[in-house]
Amino acid sequence: MPIVNVNMMEGRSVEQKEALIKAVAEAVMDSIGAPEENIRVIISEYSKAHWGIGTLPAHKAGR
């Protein structure tokens, strides 16, 4: 059972996350032939205050 973890900063819409899940699952199906029903995509979202870019949290780095 392929499990794909996606870590990203919060702020995307439900529709964007649904599109991401679909695209990732399709990439797994195409690349390794895994059946759709066996693929799991997990999205973990983090506050910009909890994501560092260089020496700054993302909310101070302008991201």
Protein backbone atom coordinates (compact mmCIF):
# COMPACT_ATOMS: atom_id res chain seq x y z
CA MET A 1 0.00 0.00 0.00
CA PRO A 2 1.73 3.21 -1.13
CA ILE A 3 1.42 6.04 1.36
CA VAL A 4 2.44 9.52 0.22
CA ASN A 5 2.93 12.26 2.79
CA VAL A 6 2.70 15.88 1.62
CA ASN A 7 3.89 18.56 4.03
CA MET A 8 2.97 22.14 3.19
CA MET A 9 2.12 25.50 4.66
CA GLU A 10 -1.54 26.16 5.36
CA GLY A 11 -3.58 28.37 3.10
CA ARG A 12 -4.75 26.26 0.16
CA SER A 13 -8.42 25.76 -0.59
CA VAL A 14 -10.24 22.45 -0.28
CA GLU A 15 -10.44 22.35 -4.09
CA GLN A 16 -6.65 22.77 -4.41
CA LYS A 17 -6.04 19.98 -1.92
CA GLU A 18 -8.47 17.70 -3.74
CA ALA A 19 -6.63 18.40 -7.02
CA LEU A 20 -3.30 17.65 -5.33
CA ILE A 21 -4.59 14.34 -3.94
CA LYS A 22 -5.86 13.34 -7.38
CA ALA A 23 -2.61 14.28 -9.15
CA VAL A 24 -0.42 12.51 -6.59
CA ALA A 25 -2.53 9.35 -6.68
CA GLU A 26 -2.49 9.34 -10.49
CA ALA A 27 1.31 9.75 -10.47
CA VAL A 28 1.63 6.74 -8.16
CA MET A 29 -0.70 4.67 -10.35
CA ASP A 30 1.20 5.64 -13.51
CA SER A 31 4.69 5.17 -12.10
CA ILE A 32 4.40 1.93 -10.10
CA GLY A 33 1.08 0.49 -11.21
CA ALA A 34 -0.49 0.58 -7.76
CA PRO A 35 -4.26 0.12 -7.76
CA GLU A 36 -6.17 3.29 -6.91
CA GLU A 37 -7.91 1.72 -3.91
CA ASN A 38 -4.54 0.96 -2.27
CA ILE A 39 -3.09 4.48 -2.46
CA ARG A 40 -3.18 6.81 0.52
CA VAL A 41 -2.29 10.51 0.31
CA ILE A 42 -1.85 12.35 3.59
CA ILE A 43 -1.63 16.15 3.64
CA SER A 44 -0.13 17.74 6.74
CA GLU A 45 -0.51 21.51 6.93
CA TYR A 46 1.60 23.78 9.09
CA SER A 47 1.18 27.33 10.22
CA LYS A 48 3.62 29.74 8.57
CA ALA A 49 4.93 30.42 12.08
CA HIS A 50 5.94 26.74 12.28
CA TRP A 51 7.76 26.63 8.92
CA GLY A 52 11.29 27.97 8.59
CA ILE A 53 12.79 29.45 5.43
CA GLY A 54 16.47 30.06 5.97
CA THR A 55 16.81 31.75 9.34
CA LEU A 56 13.23 33.08 9.50
CA PRO A 57 9.76 31.66 10.08
CA ALA A 58 7.81 31.79 6.80
CA HIS A 59 5.43 34.44 8.09
CA LYS A 60 8.42 36.79 8.50
CA ALA A 61 10.10 35.71 5.27
CA GLY A 62 7.19 37.02 3.19
CA ARG A 63 5.93 33.61 2.07
